[in-house]
Amino acid sequence: MEANDTIPTAESLDSDTSTKRFRAKRDAILAAAAEAINEQSAKGMTFADVARRVGLNTTSVTYYFKRKEDLAAACFEYTLEKLLAMLDESLLEPTPQARVAKYLSLNMTRLARIQRGEETAFAILSDLRAMEEPVLGKLMAGWREVFRKTRSLWGPAVNRAQTDLHGGRAHVLLENTFWLPIWLTRYDPDQYDRVEERLMDVFAHGIAGPKATWDPELIDLAHDEPEPGREAFLLAATRLINQLGYRGASVQKIASELNVTKGSFYHHLDAKDDLVLACYKRSLDTVADAQRLADERGGSHWERLSGTIATLLDVQFSERGPLLRTTALSGLPTESRTQMVDRSNRIARRFAGTMSDGIAEGSIRPVDPLIAAQALMAMQNAAFDMRKWAHTMTRERAIGYYASTLAFGLFDDRILDQ
């Protein structure tokens, strides 16, 4: 033994053991809290529920986290740290396509480990904006860093147009990896490699056939409002729920947004759960109407699909929007949530059917239509978050840039020439 080596004492060993025990319990609490957040939202999570999940009493949880908000913030910080670590590893690859492939692979590996019980899921970030200052500022700074690093997977942009396009690509990539856990449960773990390969094929080469161009004709979704004022009410509620989550968007906030009393809320709906269901139904009706009208209008299946995508993005980027994000369902009763998810799946299958017919006629590239449909659902579902980005350019350009991510793939710049 060297002269400067230190022999561990009983006290230091006890301290080290105590530190490991503290970290182990803290990690278990974070894992349980993330599970609760994903099921019930950050606002719906309770100390009692988290304690029950880890076999502790509520007082024991408060020893590690004084307030529920502190626990939620720690969960979100952990998610951001994990995302940044995966992005740092991906950025070591030599090309944009290799970096995106690596990031997708890291996510698929993580989800496989979760499925095998070797790792716990981290908290989804849909409720992040519902946090309060000063925590909100720190978390949003972390999210902006995640977005910046994701955008850098494509390397430095040579001009503003390319910066805008890289921003759209980064958002679609992130949202697709966030959406993965929702639909990956339909596949056995031994199929995960195939899913990864097929999804990366969509990312790399897009959906459009070799002769397809981006020249969509928007669909007229105008219809008479059955109840005066209801549409404005549902729009205001949808915007707030998308921003703050189901529990963060209180009845009072929704009423204030419209400058009406809380009593007006109950004129339209009996309860808040009814509100979310009405918002979600309105959104799904909009998507289904676009699909139906595109089929009625006819044309190639690529023309139908591109017209539907462009119309839905136009809704998301305009004052007519937005559509309700599926993350709002986390606070609903299981039965109601299941009904809405089932309808969402039917819409995805219709996208898949259009692609299957388009593959047969040659207007759509041979892809796995079920997987490509889920990628489309993720893209159009999350487009609301890019409204500020879209408002920095013409609507037509914003729709083209954002849609090109899956129409032509994440590495094809032809949209810049249009």
Protein backbone atom coordinates (compact mmCIF):
# COMPACT_ATOMS: atom_id res chain seq x y z
CA MET A 1 0.00 0.00 0.00
CA GLU A 2 1.32 3.45 -0.92
CA ALA A 3 2.00 5.91 1.86
CA ASN A 4 -0.70 8.30 0.69
CA ASP A 5 -3.42 5.61 0.46
CA THR A 6 -6.18 5.93 3.01
CA ILE A 7 -7.54 2.91 4.85
CA PRO A 8 -11.37 3.11 4.89
CA THR A 9 -12.75 3.53 8.36
CA ALA A 10 -15.96 2.05 9.71
CA GLU A 11 -17.43 5.54 9.75
CA SER A 12 -16.61 6.18 6.07
CA LEU A 13 -18.00 2.80 5.04
CA ASP A 14 -21.20 3.50 6.96
CA SER A 15 -21.43 6.91 5.31
CA ASP A 16 -20.94 5.40 1.85
CA THR A 17 -23.60 2.77 2.51
CA SER A 18 -25.97 5.42 3.79
CA THR A 19 -25.40 7.55 0.68
CA LYS A 20 -26.08 4.59 -1.63
CA ARG A 21 -29.24 3.74 0.31
CA PHE A 22 -30.39 7.37 0.09
CA ARG A 23 -29.80 7.47 -3.68
CA ALA A 24 -31.51 4.13 -4.21
CA LYS A 25 -34.65 5.26 -2.39
CA ARG A 26 -34.60 8.63 -4.12
CA ASP A 27 -34.31 6.93 -7.51
CA ALA A 28 -37.19 4.59 -6.62
CA ILE A 29 -39.35 7.57 -5.67
CA LEU A 30 -38.47 9.34 -8.93
CA ALA A 31 -39.36 6.24 -10.93
CA ALA A 32 -42.70 5.89 -9.14
CA ALA A 33 -43.44 9.59 -9.59
CA ALA A 34 -42.66 9.40 -13.31
CA GLU A 35 -45.09 6.49 -13.61
CA ALA A 36 -47.77 8.50 -11.78
CA ILE A 37 -47.14 11.58 -13.95
CA ASN A 38 -47.47 9.53 -17.13
CA GLU A 39 -50.77 8.07 -15.92
CA GLN A 40 -52.33 11.07 -14.18
CA SER A 41 -50.29 14.17 -15.16
CA ALA A 42 -47.98 16.16 -12.88
CA LYS A 43 -50.90 18.01 -11.31
CA GLY A 44 -52.71 14.75 -10.62
CA MET A 45 -49.74 13.05 -8.99
CA THR A 46 -49.94 12.82 -5.18
CA PHE A 47 -47.39 11.99 -2.49
CA ALA A 48 -49.72 9.29 -1.18
CA ASP A 49 -49.86 7.53 -4.54
CA VAL A 50 -46.08 7.73 -5.05
CA ALA A 51 -45.51 6.41 -1.51
CA ARG A 52 -47.85 3.50 -2.18
CA ARG A 53 -46.01 2.58 -5.36
CA VAL A 54 -42.66 2.30 -3.56
CA GLY A 55 -43.95 0.82 -0.31
CA LEU A 56 -43.23 3.86 1.86
CA ASN A 57 -45.40 6.18 3.89
CA THR A 58 -46.05 9.75 2.78
CA THR A 59 -43.73 11.20 5.43
CA SER A 60 -40.84 9.17 4.03
CA VAL A 61 -41.39 10.69 0.59
CA THR A 62 -41.38 14.22 1.99
CA TYR A 63 -37.98 13.51 3.54
CA TYR A 64 -36.57 13.41 -0.01
CA PHE A 65 -38.84 16.02 -1.63
CA LYS A 66 -40.49 18.70 0.50
CA ARG A 67 -43.19 19.61 -2.00
CA LYS A 68 -45.00 17.77 -4.77
CA GLU A 69 -43.77 20.43 -7.20
CA ASP A 70 -40.17 19.63 -6.24
CA LEU A 71 -40.74 15.97 -7.02
CA ALA A 72 -42.36 16.72 -10.39
CA ALA A 73 -39.53 19.11 -11.28
CA ALA A 74 -36.93 16.46 -10.38
CA CYS A 75 -38.71 13.99 -12.68
CA PHE A 76 -38.70 16.45 -15.58
CA GLU A 77 -35.05 17.34 -14.95
CA TYR A 78 -34.17 13.64 -15.08
CA THR A 79 -35.98 13.28 -18.42
CA LEU A 80 -34.15 16.28 -19.87
CA GLU A 81 -30.79 14.93 -18.65
CA LYS A 82 -31.49 11.56 -20.29
CA LEU A 83 -32.49 13.19 -23.57
CA LEU A 84 -29.37 15.35 -23.60
CA ALA A 85 -27.17 12.33 -22.89
CA MET A 86 -28.70 10.40 -25.81
CA LEU A 87 -28.27 13.41 -28.09
CA ASP A 88 -24.63 13.85 -27.05
CA GLU A 89 -23.96 10.21 -27.92
CA SER A 90 -25.79 10.58 -31.24
CA LEU A 91 -23.80 13.68 -32.17
CA LEU A 92 -20.61 11.60 -32.19
CA GLU A 93 -21.78 9.97 -35.45
CA PRO A 94 -20.32 11.38 -38.69
CA THR A 95 -23.43 12.26 -40.74
CA PRO A 96 -26.94 13.61 -40.12
CA GLN A 97 -28.55 10.32 -41.15
CA ALA A 98 -26.23 8.31 -38.89
CA ARG A 99 -26.95 10.68 -35.99
CA VAL A 100 -30.73 10.39 -36.39
CA ALA A 101 -30.43 6.59 -36.75
CA LYS A 102 -28.37 6.47 -33.55
CA TYR A 103 -30.85 8.59 -31.63
CA LEU A 104 -33.74 6.39 -32.76
CA SER A 105 -31.75 3.27 -31.86
CA LEU A 106 -30.98 4.58 -28.37
CA ASN A 107 -34.69 5.25 -27.82
CA MET A 108 -35.68 1.80 -29.07
CA THR A 109 -33.07 0.16 -26.85
CA ARG A 110 -34.37 2.10 -23.85
CA LEU A 111 -37.97 1.06 -24.58
CA ALA A 112 -36.90 -2.58 -24.93
CA ARG A 113 -35.19 -2.41 -21.54
CA ILE A 114 -38.32 -0.90 -20.02
CA GLN A 115 -40.43 -3.67 -21.52
CA ARG A 116 -38.10 -6.28 -19.96
CA GLY A 117 -38.27 -4.56 -16.58
CA GLU A 118 -34.59 -3.59 -16.67
CA GLU A 119 -35.28 0.15 -16.68
CA THR A 120 -38.12 2.47 -15.72
CA ALA A 121 -39.84 4.94 -18.03
CA PHE A 122 -39.03 8.60 -17.57
CA ALA A 123 -41.70 11.26 -17.19
CA ILE A 124 -43.23 12.60 -20.39
CA LEU A 125 -42.84 16.35 -20.79
CA SER A 126 -46.40 17.27 -21.77
CA ASP A 127 -47.05 18.91 -18.37
CA LEU A 128 -43.78 20.80 -18.23
CA ARG A 129 -45.35 24.15 -19.14
CA ALA A 130 -47.84 23.79 -16.29
CA MET A 131 -45.03 24.17 -13.75
CA GLU A 132 -44.65 27.49 -11.94
CA GLU A 133 -41.76 29.91 -11.66
CA PRO A 134 -38.92 29.85 -10.82
CA VAL A 135 -38.83 26.13 -11.65
CA LEU A 136 -40.57 26.67 -15.00
CA GLY A 137 -37.80 28.92 -16.30
CA LYS A 138 -35.10 26.38 -15.50
CA LEU A 139 -37.03 23.50 -17.06
CA MET A 140 -37.85 25.46 -20.21
CA ALA A 141 -34.16 26.36 -20.58
CA GLY A 142 -33.42 22.63 -20.41
CA TRP A 143 -36.06 21.88 -23.03
CA ARG A 144 -34.67 24.58 -25.36
CA GLU A 145 -31.24 22.96 -25.02
CA VAL A 146 -32.74 19.58 -25.96
CA PHE A 147 -34.36 21.15 -29.02
CA ARG A 148 -31.17 22.98 -30.01
CA LYS A 149 -29.10 19.81 -29.78
CA THR A 150 -31.69 17.83 -31.73
CA ARG A 151 -31.61 20.46 -34.48
CA SER A 152 -27.81 20.24 -34.53
CA LEU A 153 -28.06 16.57 -35.61
CA TRP A 154 -28.33 18.01 -39.14
CA GLY A 155 -25.20 20.10 -38.75
CA PRO A 156 -24.86 23.87 -39.20
CA ALA A 157 -27.42 25.59 -41.42
CA VAL A 158 -26.14 27.76 -44.27
CA ASN A 159 -29.10 30.17 -44.24
CA ARG A 160 -32.34 31.03 -42.44
CA ALA A 161 -34.46 28.75 -44.63
CA GLN A 162 -32.33 25.75 -43.74
CA THR A 163 -32.44 26.71 -40.06
CA ASP A 164 -36.23 26.74 -40.26
CA LEU A 165 -36.30 23.36 -42.00
CA HIS A 166 -33.92 21.83 -39.46
CA GLY A 167 -36.21 23.13 -36.71
CA GLY A 168 -39.21 21.37 -38.23
CA ARG A 169 -37.20 18.17 -38.59
CA ALA A 170 -36.01 18.30 -34.99
CA HIS A 171 -39.56 18.68 -33.71
CA VAL A 172 -40.93 15.81 -35.80
CA LEU A 173 -38.08 13.53 -34.68
CA LEU A 174 -38.58 14.33 -31.00
CA GLU A 175 -42.34 13.96 -31.16
CA ASN A 176 -42.08 10.63 -32.92
CA THR A 177 -39.77 9.24 -30.24
CA PHE A 178 -42.15 10.55 -27.56
CA TRP A 179 -45.07 8.88 -29.39
CA LEU A 180 -43.29 5.52 -29.69
CA PRO A 181 -44.35 4.12 -26.28
CA ILE A 182 -48.01 4.66 -27.19
CA TRP A 183 -48.05 2.31 -30.17
CA LEU A 184 -44.99 0.11 -29.69
CA THR A 185 -46.99 -2.03 -27.23
CA ARG A 186 -48.71 -3.61 -30.26
CA TYR A 187 -45.47 -5.33 -31.20
CA ASP A 188 -43.65 -8.17 -29.48
CA PRO A 189 -40.15 -7.25 -28.26
CA ASP A 190 -38.52 -9.51 -30.85
CA GLN A 191 -40.08 -7.23 -33.50
CA TYR A 192 -38.51 -4.05 -32.14
CA ASP A 193 -35.54 -4.27 -34.52
CA ARG A 194 -37.91 -4.50 -37.46
CA VAL A 195 -39.97 -1.54 -36.20
CA GLU A 196 -36.80 0.52 -35.82
CA GLU A 197 -35.68 -0.36 -39.35
CA ARG A 198 -39.06 0.47 -40.90
CA LEU A 199 -39.46 3.75 -39.00
CA MET A 200 -35.93 4.81 -39.90
CA ASP A 201 -36.78 4.02 -43.53
CA VAL A 202 -39.63 6.56 -43.32
CA PHE A 203 -37.32 9.09 -41.67
CA ALA A 204 -34.65 8.56 -44.31
CA HIS A 205 -36.70 8.41 -47.51
CA GLY A 206 -40.20 9.67 -46.71
CA ILE A 207 -43.58 8.44 -47.91
CA ALA A 208 -44.03 10.11 -51.31
CA GLY A 209 -43.46 8.07 -54.46
CA PRO A 210 -40.52 8.80 -56.78
CA LYS A 211 -42.54 11.07 -59.08
CA ALA A 212 -44.56 12.80 -56.35
CA THR A 213 -44.28 16.54 -55.76
CA TRP A 214 -45.49 18.78 -52.96
CA ASP A 215 -48.42 20.69 -54.43
CA PRO A 216 -51.37 19.88 -52.14
CA GLU A 217 -54.86 21.26 -52.56
CA LEU A 218 -56.37 22.28 -49.23
CA ILE A 219 -59.71 20.78 -48.25
CA ASP A 220 -62.63 23.01 -47.26
CA LEU A 221 -63.61 21.94 -43.75
CA ALA A 222 -66.16 24.72 -43.22
CA HIS A 223 -69.39 23.64 -41.56
CA ASP A 224 -72.24 25.21 -39.66
CA GLU A 225 -71.80 25.46 -35.91
CA PRO A 226 -74.59 23.50 -34.20
CA GLU A 227 -74.53 25.63 -31.06
CA PRO A 228 -73.53 29.33 -31.16
CA GLY A 229 -70.42 30.01 -29.08
CA ARG A 230 -69.59 26.35 -28.48
CA GLU A 231 -66.84 26.24 -31.13
CA ALA A 232 -65.04 29.26 -29.63
CA PHE A 233 -65.38 27.71 -26.19
CA LEU A 234 -63.88 24.40 -27.31
CA LEU A 235 -61.07 26.18 -29.18
CA ALA A 236 -60.08 28.20 -26.10
CA ALA A 237 -60.20 25.09 -23.94
CA THR A 238 -58.13 23.10 -26.45
CA ARG A 239 -55.41 25.76 -26.56
CA LEU A 240 -55.12 25.90 -22.78
CA ILE A 241 -55.18 22.13 -22.33
CA ASN A 242 -52.47 21.74 -24.97
CA GLN A 243 -50.34 24.33 -23.18
CA LEU A 244 -50.97 23.43 -19.54
CA GLY A 245 -52.20 19.85 -19.60
CA TYR A 246 -55.55 18.48 -18.50
CA ARG A 247 -55.20 19.41 -14.84
CA GLY A 248 -53.28 22.63 -15.42
CA ALA A 249 -56.09 24.12 -17.52
CA SER A 250 -58.63 24.88 -14.83
CA VAL A 251 -62.25 25.82 -15.52
CA GLN A 252 -61.47 29.30 -14.19
CA LYS A 253 -58.57 29.74 -16.64
CA ILE A 254 -60.69 28.58 -19.56
CA ALA A 255 -63.50 30.96 -18.58
CA SER A 256 -60.99 33.82 -18.17
CA GLU A 257 -59.55 33.11 -21.62
CA LEU A 258 -63.00 33.74 -23.09
CA ASN A 259 -63.77 36.55 -20.65
CA VAL A 260 -66.88 34.76 -19.38
CA THR A 261 -67.98 33.47 -15.99
CA LYS A 262 -67.49 29.95 -14.70
CA GLY A 263 -71.23 29.57 -14.98
CA SER A 264 -70.92 29.82 -18.76
CA PHE A 265 -68.73 26.73 -18.67
CA TYR A 266 -71.51 24.67 -17.15
CA HIS A 267 -73.92 26.03 -19.73
CA HIS A 268 -71.93 24.17 -22.37
CA LEU A 269 -70.81 21.09 -20.44
CA ASP A 270 -71.64 19.27 -17.23
CA ALA A 271 -68.10 18.52 -16.03
CA LYS A 272 -64.47 19.04 -16.92
CA ASP A 273 -64.08 15.45 -18.15
CA ASP A 274 -66.90 16.18 -20.57
CA LEU A 275 -64.93 19.20 -21.78
CA VAL A 276 -61.82 17.17 -22.63
CA LEU A 277 -63.91 14.53 -24.38
CA ALA A 278 -65.74 17.24 -26.37
CA CYS A 279 -62.43 18.85 -27.36
CA TYR A 280 -60.97 15.53 -28.36
CA LYS A 281 -64.08 14.56 -30.32
CA ARG A 282 -63.97 17.89 -32.15
CA SER A 283 -60.32 17.26 -33.05
CA LEU A 284 -60.86 13.69 -34.22
CA ASP A 285 -63.93 14.77 -36.20
CA THR A 286 -61.76 17.35 -37.96
CA VAL A 287 -59.15 14.73 -38.92
CA ALA A 288 -61.80 12.23 -40.03
CA ASP A 289 -63.61 14.90 -42.07
CA ALA A 290 -60.38 15.77 -43.86
CA GLN A 291 -59.74 12.12 -44.68
CA ARG A 292 -63.31 11.54 -45.90
CA LEU A 293 -63.43 14.70 -48.02
CA ALA A 294 -60.06 13.88 -49.56
CA ASP A 295 -61.40 10.48 -50.64
CA GLU A 296 -64.58 12.05 -52.01
CA ARG A 297 -62.54 14.55 -54.00
CA GLY A 298 -60.55 11.75 -55.60
CA GLY A 299 -57.19 11.88 -57.31
CA SER A 300 -54.14 9.72 -56.65
CA HIS A 301 -53.70 8.40 -53.16
CA TRP A 302 -50.65 10.62 -52.71
CA GLU A 303 -52.81 13.63 -53.64
CA ARG A 304 -55.40 12.53 -51.10
CA LEU A 305 -52.82 11.98 -48.38
CA SER A 306 -50.87 15.19 -49.02
CA GLY A 307 -54.12 17.19 -49.18
CA THR A 308 -55.20 15.77 -45.83
CA ILE A 309 -51.82 16.43 -44.20
CA ALA A 310 -51.62 20.00 -45.54
CA THR A 311 -55.19 20.77 -44.44
CA LEU A 312 -54.60 19.50 -40.90
CA LEU A 313 -51.35 21.46 -40.60
CA ASP A 314 -53.19 24.54 -41.87
CA VAL A 315 -55.69 24.04 -39.03
CA GLN A 316 -52.90 23.60 -36.48
CA PHE A 317 -51.07 26.74 -37.60
CA SER A 318 -54.16 28.95 -37.99
CA GLU A 319 -56.68 30.60 -35.71
CA ARG A 320 -59.07 27.76 -36.54
CA GLY A 321 -56.80 25.46 -34.57
CA PRO A 322 -55.56 23.72 -32.70
CA LEU A 323 -56.40 20.05 -32.44
CA LEU A 324 -56.22 18.55 -28.97
CA ARG A 325 -53.01 16.70 -28.17
CA THR A 326 -53.45 13.10 -27.06
CA THR A 327 -51.42 13.78 -23.92
CA ALA A 328 -54.52 15.53 -22.54
CA LEU A 329 -56.13 12.13 -22.08
CA SER A 330 -53.85 11.16 -19.19
CA GLY A 331 -56.20 12.69 -16.62
CA LEU A 332 -59.38 11.06 -17.91
CA PRO A 333 -61.10 7.94 -16.52
CA THR A 334 -59.81 4.75 -18.13
CA GLU A 335 -63.03 3.98 -20.03
CA SER A 336 -63.23 7.43 -21.61
CA ARG A 337 -59.55 7.40 -22.46
CA THR A 338 -59.84 3.99 -24.11
CA GLN A 339 -62.73 5.15 -26.30
CA MET A 340 -60.78 8.14 -27.58
CA VAL A 341 -57.58 6.14 -28.18
CA ASP A 342 -59.59 3.52 -30.10
CA ARG A 343 -60.98 6.23 -32.37
CA SER A 344 -57.50 7.66 -32.86
CA ASN A 345 -56.31 4.21 -33.89
CA ARG A 346 -59.11 3.96 -36.44
CA ILE A 347 -57.95 7.25 -37.96
CA ALA A 348 -54.37 5.94 -38.09
CA ARG A 349 -55.59 2.79 -39.84
CA ARG A 350 -57.33 4.94 -42.44
CA PHE A 351 -54.03 6.71 -43.12
CA ALA A 352 -52.45 3.28 -43.43
CA GLY A 353 -55.16 2.19 -45.88
CA THR A 354 -54.56 5.25 -48.07
CA MET A 355 -50.84 4.48 -48.10
CA SER A 356 -51.45 0.80 -48.95
CA ASP A 357 -53.59 1.81 -51.95
CA GLY A 358 -51.01 4.43 -52.93
CA ILE A 359 -48.22 1.84 -52.82
CA ALA A 360 -50.26 -0.39 -55.13
CA GLU A 361 -50.79 2.42 -57.65
CA GLY A 362 -47.20 3.69 -57.36
CA SER A 363 -47.91 7.20 -56.03
CA ILE A 364 -46.59 6.32 -52.56
CA ARG A 365 -43.24 4.69 -51.82
CA PRO A 366 -43.26 1.12 -50.44
CA VAL A 367 -43.27 1.63 -46.67
CA ASP A 368 -44.75 -0.19 -43.72
CA PRO A 369 -48.12 1.64 -43.76
CA LEU A 370 -48.98 0.88 -40.12
CA ILE A 371 -45.70 2.35 -38.89
CA ALA A 372 -45.77 5.28 -41.32
CA ALA A 373 -49.33 6.07 -40.21
CA GLN A 374 -48.19 6.36 -36.59
CA ALA A 375 -45.40 8.70 -37.69
CA LEU A 376 -48.01 10.87 -39.44
CA MET A 377 -50.21 10.87 -36.34
CA ALA A 378 -47.29 12.07 -34.22
CA MET A 379 -46.43 14.81 -36.72
CA GLN A 380 -49.89 16.31 -37.09
CA ASN A 381 -50.78 15.81 -33.42
CA ALA A 382 -47.85 17.87 -32.18
CA ALA A 383 -47.83 20.60 -34.85
CA PHE A 384 -49.58 23.00 -32.46
CA ASP A 385 -46.28 23.44 -30.59
CA MET A 386 -44.75 24.90 -33.76
CA ARG A 387 -47.23 27.75 -34.18
CA LYS A 388 -44.68 30.43 -33.28
CA TRP A 389 -42.19 28.86 -35.68
CA ALA A 390 -44.88 28.76 -38.40
CA HIS A 391 -45.78 32.42 -37.88
CA THR A 392 -42.24 33.54 -38.82
CA MET A 393 -42.92 32.61 -42.46
CA THR A 394 -45.81 32.30 -44.89
CA ARG A 395 -48.38 29.65 -43.99
CA GLU A 396 -47.73 27.80 -47.24
CA ARG A 397 -43.99 27.61 -46.55
CA ALA A 398 -44.51 26.51 -42.94
CA ILE A 399 -46.83 23.70 -44.04
CA GLY A 400 -44.42 22.63 -46.79
CA TYR A 401 -41.35 22.61 -44.53
CA TYR A 402 -43.09 20.74 -41.72
CA ALA A 403 -44.82 18.19 -43.98
CA SER A 404 -41.66 17.53 -45.98
CA THR A 405 -40.13 15.85 -42.94
CA LEU A 406 -42.23 12.74 -43.59
CA ALA A 407 -43.28 13.38 -47.19
CA PHE A 408 -39.69 13.31 -48.50
CA GLY A 409 -37.74 12.32 -45.39
CA LEU A 410 -35.58 14.13 -42.89
CA PHE A 411 -32.60 14.60 -45.22
CA ASP A 412 -34.13 15.73 -48.54
CA ASP A 413 -33.83 19.49 -49.19
CA ARG A 414 -35.98 19.70 -52.34
CA ILE A 415 -38.68 21.63 -50.46
CA LEU A 416 -36.22 24.55 -50.16
CA ASP A 417 -36.38 25.01 -53.94
CA GLN A 418 -40.17 25.37 -54.05
